[in-house]
Amino acid sequence: MRSHPPGSAPASSFMALKILVAGGFGVGKTTLVGSVSEIRPLSTEERLTEAGRPVDRLDGVEHKTTTTVAMDFGRITLHDDLALYLFGTPGQDRFWFLWDELAQGALGAVVLADTRRLADCFSAIDYFEHRAIPFVVAVNCFDGARAHRPDEVARALDLDPGTPVLLCDARDRASCKEVLIGLVEHAAASYEARLRPGVGSGG
């Protein structure tokens, strides 16, 4: 794999950042990674089976026939000197043991949310809050879902002040790219704030 895209900045100034795409089962993580990736995305989707029905919650996603069992992977170059490596996490509880491995070294995360099933993203939000990993909530605007304002979603999820809530269409590359730019900006501001004197020192 090249250390930087052909024709871009030299390797010494090129930066690749790791981003997680998380959220509940069937919220659109695989779709987002596939929509925005400039390479053919790696997907570990497998067909749902009858044996998995007792443990896989299909409420609201009865039409879904596959599930991510390890991760999705894609890449997008935002600037000549900046690329994002995207890791889509599995959404089901039985695959949560993979999250700690995927989260190592991550700059931040996108938590995808479906307003028809907001409770499904609580676990992901708790995970990143407890580990102080910056994240944004991206509301995937499904066809037929009632529109909600970002501030309404923030209140419903009881987000910490300053946590961005963005609207997106996981099928649209430009929309997903704006979410990723928003995450990078939020993560940069979060890490900068931690470096300020007195921040996090208890004084």
C-alpha atoms as a PDB file:
ATOM      1  CA  MET A   1       0.000   0.000   0.000  1.00  0.00           C
ATOM      2  CA  ARG A   2       1.342   3.450  -0.869  1.00  0.00           C
ATOM      3  CA  SER A   3       2.168   5.765   2.013  1.00  0.00           C
ATOM      4  CA  HIS A   4       0.461   8.568   0.118  1.00  0.00           C
ATOM      5  CA  PRO A   5      -1.715   8.835  -2.997  1.00  0.00           C
ATOM      6  CA  PRO A   6       0.085   9.333  -6.336  1.00  0.00           C
ATOM      7  CA  GLY A   7       0.729  12.998  -7.079  1.00  0.00           C
ATOM      8  CA  SER A   8      -0.057  14.138  -3.542  1.00  0.00           C
ATOM      9  CA  ALA A   9       2.130  15.583  -0.813  1.00  0.00           C
ATOM     10  CA  PRO A  10       5.331  13.702   0.093  1.00  0.00           C
ATOM     11  CA  ALA A  11       5.070  10.910   2.637  1.00  0.00           C
ATOM     12  CA  SER A  12       6.706  13.034   5.339  1.00  0.00           C
ATOM     13  CA  SER A  13       3.709  15.411   5.390  1.00  0.00           C
ATOM     14  CA  PHE A  14       0.964  12.910   4.563  1.00  0.00           C
ATOM     15  CA  MET A  15      -1.342  11.921   7.416  1.00  0.00           C
ATOM     16  CA  ALA A  16      -3.784   9.034   7.600  1.00  0.00           C
ATOM     17  CA  LEU A  17      -6.354   9.089  10.397  1.00  0.00           C
ATOM     18  CA  LYS A  18      -8.440   6.222  11.717  1.00  0.00           C
ATOM     19  CA  ILE A  19     -12.179   6.836  12.027  1.00  0.00           C
ATOM     20  CA  LEU A  20     -14.834   4.476  13.392  1.00  0.00           C
ATOM     21  CA  VAL A  21     -18.365   4.324  12.017  1.00  0.00           C
ATOM     22  CA  ALA A  22     -20.632   2.933  14.714  1.00  0.00           C
ATOM     23  CA  GLY A  23     -24.283   2.649  15.629  1.00  0.00           C
ATOM     24  CA  GLY A  24     -27.096   0.164  15.978  1.00  0.00           C
ATOM     25  CA  PHE A  25     -27.912  -2.832  13.831  1.00  0.00           C
ATOM     26  CA  GLY A  26     -29.173  -1.870  10.377  1.00  0.00           C
ATOM     27  CA  VAL A  27     -28.584   1.880  10.772  1.00  0.00           C
ATOM     28  CA  GLY A  28     -26.503   2.237   7.595  1.00  0.00           C
ATOM     29  CA  LYS A  29     -22.856   1.834   8.613  1.00  0.00           C
ATOM     30  CA  THR A  30     -21.926  -0.440   5.708  1.00  0.00           C
ATOM     31  CA  THR A  31     -23.800   1.847   3.316  1.00  0.00           C
ATOM     32  CA  LEU A  32     -21.940   4.941   4.545  1.00  0.00           C
ATOM     33  CA  VAL A  33     -18.516   3.334   4.243  1.00  0.00           C
ATOM     34  CA  GLY A  34     -19.333   2.050   0.776  1.00  0.00           C
ATOM     35  CA  SER A  35     -20.765   5.379  -0.375  1.00  0.00           C
ATOM     36  CA  VAL A  36     -17.810   7.511   0.604  1.00  0.00           C
ATOM     37  CA  SER A  37     -14.869   5.152   0.058  1.00  0.00           C
ATOM     38  CA  GLU A  38     -12.608   5.884  -2.909  1.00  0.00           C
ATOM     39  CA  ILE A  39     -11.428   2.266  -2.939  1.00  0.00           C
ATOM     40  CA  ARG A  40     -13.536  -0.824  -3.194  1.00  0.00           C
ATOM     41  CA  PRO A  41     -14.651  -1.250   0.425  1.00  0.00           C
ATOM     42  CA  LEU A  42     -13.868  -4.366   2.375  1.00  0.00           C
ATOM     43  CA  SER A  43     -17.058  -5.796   3.838  1.00  0.00           C
ATOM     44  CA  THR A  44     -17.560  -8.756   6.152  1.00  0.00           C
ATOM     45  CA  GLU A  45     -21.307  -9.054   5.717  1.00  0.00           C
ATOM     46  CA  GLU A  46     -22.860 -12.477   6.101  1.00  0.00           C
ATOM     47  CA  ARG A  47     -26.429 -13.622   5.634  1.00  0.00           C
ATOM     48  CA  LEU A  48     -28.658 -13.717   8.685  1.00  0.00           C
ATOM     49  CA  THR A  49     -29.662 -17.237   9.671  1.00  0.00           C
ATOM     50  CA  GLU A  50     -32.525 -18.804  11.564  1.00  0.00           C
ATOM     51  CA  ALA A  51     -30.054 -19.781  14.296  1.00  0.00           C
ATOM     52  CA  GLY A  52     -29.314 -16.117  14.919  1.00  0.00           C
ATOM     53  CA  ARG A  53     -32.907 -14.961  15.273  1.00  0.00           C
ATOM     54  CA  PRO A  54     -33.069 -15.465  19.062  1.00  0.00           C
ATOM     55  CA  VAL A  55     -30.105 -13.083  19.574  1.00  0.00           C
ATOM     56  CA  ASP A  56     -30.425 -10.667  16.623  1.00  0.00           C
ATOM     57  CA  ARG A  57     -32.982  -7.907  17.234  1.00  0.00           C
ATOM     58  CA  LEU A  58     -34.700  -7.166  13.926  1.00  0.00           C
ATOM     59  CA  ASP A  59     -37.305  -4.721  15.247  1.00  0.00           C
ATOM     60  CA  GLY A  60     -37.645  -1.993  12.633  1.00  0.00           C
ATOM     61  CA  VAL A  61     -35.245  -3.697  10.201  1.00  0.00           C
ATOM     62  CA  GLU A  62     -37.239  -6.806   9.358  1.00  0.00           C
ATOM     63  CA  HIS A  63     -36.196  -6.483   5.698  1.00  0.00           C
ATOM     64  CA  LYS A  64     -32.485  -6.811   6.532  1.00  0.00           C
ATOM     65  CA  THR A  65     -30.940 -10.071   5.329  1.00  0.00           C
ATOM     66  CA  THR A  66     -27.219  -9.560   6.091  1.00  0.00           C
ATOM     67  CA  THR A  67     -25.084  -8.355   8.991  1.00  0.00           C
ATOM     68  CA  THR A  68     -21.492  -7.208   9.513  1.00  0.00           C
ATOM     69  CA  VAL A  69     -19.647  -9.847  11.530  1.00  0.00           C
ATOM     70  CA  ALA A  70     -16.227  -8.174  11.851  1.00  0.00           C
ATOM     71  CA  MET A  71     -15.863  -4.762  10.227  1.00  0.00           C
ATOM     72  CA  ASP A  72     -16.216  -2.694   7.085  1.00  0.00           C
ATOM     73  CA  PHE A  73     -13.183  -0.854   5.763  1.00  0.00           C
ATOM     74  CA  GLY A  74     -12.848   2.043   3.334  1.00  0.00           C
ATOM     75  CA  ARG A  75     -10.661   5.056   2.610  1.00  0.00           C
ATOM     76  CA  ILE A  76     -11.310   8.635   1.560  1.00  0.00           C
ATOM     77  CA  THR A  77      -8.773  11.371   0.805  1.00  0.00           C
ATOM     78  CA  LEU A  78      -9.957  14.739   2.112  1.00  0.00           C
ATOM     79  CA  HIS A  79      -6.901  16.769   1.055  1.00  0.00           C
ATOM     80  CA  ASP A  80      -3.601  16.074  -0.664  1.00  0.00           C
ATOM     81  CA  ASP A  81      -2.031  15.519   2.743  1.00  0.00           C
ATOM     82  CA  LEU A  82      -4.942  13.941   4.660  1.00  0.00           C
ATOM     83  CA  ALA A  83      -6.767  10.641   4.255  1.00  0.00           C
ATOM     84  CA  LEU A  84      -9.250   8.891   6.500  1.00  0.00           C
ATOM     85  CA  TYR A  85      -9.320   5.149   7.027  1.00  0.00           C
ATOM     86  CA  LEU A  86     -12.867   4.158   7.889  1.00  0.00           C
ATOM     87  CA  PHE A  87     -13.687   1.171  10.074  1.00  0.00           C
ATOM     88  CA  GLY A  88     -17.347   0.243  10.315  1.00  0.00           C
ATOM     89  CA  THR A  89     -18.123  -1.605  13.536  1.00  0.00           C
ATOM     90  CA  PRO A  90     -20.557  -4.513  13.901  1.00  0.00           C
ATOM     91  CA  GLY A  91     -23.858  -3.354  15.334  1.00  0.00           C
ATOM     92  CA  GLN A  92     -24.949  -6.424  17.253  1.00  0.00           C
ATOM     93  CA  ASP A  93     -24.155  -7.002  20.924  1.00  0.00           C
ATOM     94  CA  ARG A  94     -22.630 -10.436  20.277  1.00  0.00           C
ATOM     95  CA  PHE A  95     -19.811  -8.838  18.258  1.00  0.00           C
ATOM     96  CA  TRP A  96     -18.917  -6.121  20.776  1.00  0.00           C
ATOM     97  CA  PHE A  97     -15.703  -7.886  21.754  1.00  0.00           C
ATOM     98  CA  LEU A  98     -14.268  -6.521  18.476  1.00  0.00           C
ATOM     99  CA  TRP A  99     -14.831  -2.879  19.398  1.00  0.00           C
ATOM    100  CA  ASP A 100     -11.815  -2.492  21.677  1.00  0.00           C
ATOM    101  CA  GLU A 101      -9.482  -3.675  18.917  1.00  0.00           C
ATOM    102  CA  LEU A 102     -11.071  -1.411  16.320  1.00  0.00           C
ATOM    103  CA  ALA A 103     -11.030   1.611  18.650  1.00  0.00           C
ATOM    104  CA  GLN A 104      -7.279   1.508  19.282  1.00  0.00           C
ATOM    105  CA  GLY A 105      -5.637   4.547  17.721  1.00  0.00           C
ATOM    106  CA  ALA A 106      -8.897   6.041  16.452  1.00  0.00           C
ATOM    107  CA  LEU A 107      -9.078   9.827  16.115  1.00  0.00           C
ATOM    108  CA  GLY A 108     -12.832   9.773  16.598  1.00  0.00           C
ATOM    109  CA  ALA A 109     -16.104   8.167  15.612  1.00  0.00           C
ATOM    110  CA  VAL A 110     -19.308   8.748  13.708  1.00  0.00           C
ATOM    111  CA  VAL A 111     -22.323   7.361  15.553  1.00  0.00           C
ATOM    112  CA  LEU A 112     -25.073   6.777  13.009  1.00  0.00           C
ATOM    113  CA  ALA A 113     -28.603   7.172  14.331  1.00  0.00           C
ATOM    114  CA  ASP A 114     -32.055   6.298  13.045  1.00  0.00           C
ATOM    115  CA  THR A 115     -34.702   8.542  14.628  1.00  0.00           C
ATOM    116  CA  ARG A 116     -37.191   5.660  14.511  1.00  0.00           C
ATOM    117  CA  ARG A 117     -34.846   3.627  16.759  1.00  0.00           C
ATOM    118  CA  LEU A 118     -32.787   6.188  18.661  1.00  0.00           C
ATOM    119  CA  ALA A 119     -32.252   3.881  21.636  1.00  0.00           C
ATOM    120  CA  ASP A 120     -30.136   1.613  19.422  1.00  0.00           C
ATOM    121  CA  CYS A 121     -27.251   4.095  19.430  1.00  0.00           C
ATOM    122  CA  PHE A 122     -27.108   4.615  23.226  1.00  0.00           C
ATOM    123  CA  SER A 123     -24.540   1.842  23.659  1.00  0.00           C
ATOM    124  CA  ALA A 124     -22.194   3.344  21.076  1.00  0.00           C
ATOM    125  CA  ILE A 125     -22.499   6.808  22.625  1.00  0.00           C
ATOM    126  CA  ASP A 126     -21.741   5.411  26.092  1.00  0.00           C
ATOM    127  CA  TYR A 127     -18.753   3.514  24.713  1.00  0.00           C
ATOM    128  CA  PHE A 128     -17.092   6.596  23.211  1.00  0.00           C
ATOM    129  CA  GLU A 129     -17.996   8.898  26.110  1.00  0.00           C
ATOM    130  CA  HIS A 130     -16.457   6.537  28.677  1.00  0.00           C
ATOM    131  CA  ARG A 131     -13.242   6.278  26.635  1.00  0.00           C
ATOM    132  CA  ALA A 132     -13.063  10.017  25.871  1.00  0.00           C
ATOM    133  CA  ILE A 133     -13.068   9.349  22.121  1.00  0.00           C
ATOM    134  CA  PRO A 134     -14.507  12.375  20.265  1.00  0.00           C
ATOM    135  CA  PHE A 135     -17.598  11.579  18.219  1.00  0.00           C
ATOM    136  CA  VAL A 136     -20.402  13.147  16.250  1.00  0.00           C
ATOM    137  CA  VAL A 137     -23.928  11.823  15.883  1.00  0.00           C
ATOM    138  CA  ALA A 138     -25.033  11.566  12.260  1.00  0.00           C
ATOM    139  CA  VAL A 139     -28.776  11.139  11.780  1.00  0.00           C
ATOM    140  CA  ASN A 140     -29.317   8.936   8.740  1.00  0.00           C
ATOM    141  CA  CYS A 141     -32.393  10.423   7.069  1.00  0.00           C
ATOM    142  CA  PHE A 142     -34.246   7.307   5.985  1.00  0.00           C
ATOM    143  CA  ASP A 143     -37.088   7.595   3.486  1.00  0.00           C
ATOM    144  CA  GLY A 144     -40.380   7.900   5.356  1.00  0.00           C
ATOM    145  CA  ALA A 145     -38.821   8.775   8.705  1.00  0.00           C
ATOM    146  CA  ARG A 146     -40.142  11.900  10.444  1.00  0.00           C
ATOM    147  CA  ALA A 147     -37.712  14.789  10.238  1.00  0.00           C
ATOM    148  CA  HIS A 148     -36.129  15.887  13.511  1.00  0.00           C
ATOM    149  CA  ARG A 149     -34.012  18.928  14.232  1.00  0.00           C
ATOM    150  CA  PRO A 150     -30.461  18.281  15.477  1.00  0.00           C
ATOM    151  CA  ASP A 151     -31.230  19.952  18.821  1.00  0.00           C
ATOM    152  CA  GLU A 152     -34.195  17.603  19.340  1.00  0.00           C
ATOM    153  CA  VAL A 153     -31.969  14.585  18.726  1.00  0.00           C
ATOM    154  CA  ALA A 154     -29.290  15.958  21.077  1.00  0.00           C
ATOM    155  CA  ARG A 155     -31.851  16.322  23.871  1.00  0.00           C
ATOM    156  CA  ALA A 156     -33.331  12.878  23.256  1.00  0.00           C
ATOM    157  CA  LEU A 157     -29.861  11.306  23.450  1.00  0.00           C
ATOM    158  CA  ASP A 158     -28.809  13.481  26.434  1.00  0.00           C
ATOM    159  CA  LEU A 159     -25.568  14.377  24.673  1.00  0.00           C
ATOM    160  CA  ASP A 160     -22.849  16.384  26.350  1.00  0.00           C
ATOM    161  CA  PRO A 161     -22.926  20.062  25.304  1.00  0.00           C
ATOM    162  CA  GLY A 162     -20.868  20.630  22.197  1.00  0.00           C
ATOM    163  CA  THR A 163     -21.342  17.158  20.735  1.00  0.00           C
ATOM    164  CA  PRO A 164     -22.297  17.809  17.091  1.00  0.00           C
ATOM    165  CA  VAL A 165     -25.465  16.317  15.640  1.00  0.00           C
ATOM    166  CA  LEU A 166     -25.481  16.281  11.840  1.00  0.00           C
ATOM    167  CA  LEU A 167     -28.045  15.179   9.270  1.00  0.00           C
ATOM    168  CA  CYS A 168     -26.945  12.922   6.459  1.00  0.00           C
ATOM    169  CA  ASP A 169     -27.958  10.435   3.796  1.00  0.00           C
ATOM    170  CA  ALA A 170     -25.684   7.394   4.082  1.00  0.00           C
ATOM    171  CA  ARG A 171     -26.249   6.677   0.385  1.00  0.00           C
ATOM    172  CA  ASP A 172     -24.890  10.054  -0.721  1.00  0.00           C
ATOM    173  CA  ARG A 173     -21.115  10.516  -0.959  1.00  0.00           C
ATOM    174  CA  ALA A 174     -21.146  14.304  -0.585  1.00  0.00           C
ATOM    175  CA  SER A 175     -23.396  14.097   2.478  1.00  0.00           C
ATOM    176  CA  CYS A 176     -21.169  11.494   4.140  1.00  0.00           C
ATOM    177  CA  LYS A 177     -18.041  13.501   3.329  1.00  0.00           C
ATOM    178  CA  GLU A 178     -19.488  16.518   5.165  1.00  0.00           C
ATOM    179  CA  VAL A 179     -20.087  14.336   8.222  1.00  0.00           C
ATOM    180  CA  LEU A 180     -16.474  13.137   8.170  1.00  0.00           C
ATOM    181  CA  ILE A 181     -15.157  16.690   7.820  1.00  0.00           C
ATOM    182  CA  GLY A 182     -17.345  17.694  10.756  1.00  0.00           C
ATOM    183  CA  LEU A 183     -15.902  14.856  12.838  1.00  0.00           C
ATOM    184  CA  VAL A 184     -12.291  15.759  12.027  1.00  0.00           C
ATOM    185  CA  GLU A 185     -12.938  19.386  12.983  1.00  0.00           C
ATOM    186  CA  HIS A 186     -14.685  18.360  16.222  1.00  0.00           C
ATOM    187  CA  ALA A 187     -11.937  15.895  17.146  1.00  0.00           C
ATOM    188  CA  ALA A 188      -9.217  18.465  16.477  1.00  0.00           C
ATOM    189  CA  ALA A 189     -11.000  21.006  18.693  1.00  0.00           C
ATOM    190  CA  SER A 190     -11.494  18.395  21.434  1.00  0.00           C
ATOM    191  CA  TYR A 191      -7.838  17.386  21.532  1.00  0.00           C
ATOM    192  CA  GLU A 192      -6.724  21.016  21.410  1.00  0.00           C
ATOM    193  CA  ALA A 193      -8.946  21.802  24.389  1.00  0.00           C
ATOM    194  CA  ARG A 194      -7.386  18.954  26.384  1.00  0.00           C
ATOM    195  CA  LEU A 195      -3.917  20.405  25.814  1.00  0.00           C
ATOM    196  CA  ARG A 196      -4.826  23.792  27.267  1.00  0.00           C
ATOM    197  CA  PRO A 197      -3.383  24.475  30.722  1.00  0.00           C
ATOM    198  CA  GLY A 198      -5.777  23.472  33.477  1.00  0.00           C
ATOM    199  CA  VAL A 199      -8.089  21.431  31.225  1.00  0.00           C
ATOM    200  CA  GLY A 200      -8.659  17.994  32.730  1.00  0.00           C
ATOM    201  CA  SER A 201      -6.356  18.703  35.663  1.00  0.00           C
ATOM    202  CA  GLY A 202      -9.173  19.178  38.132  1.00  0.00           C
ATOM    203  CA  GLY A 203      -7.995  22.704  38.940  1.00  0.00           C
END
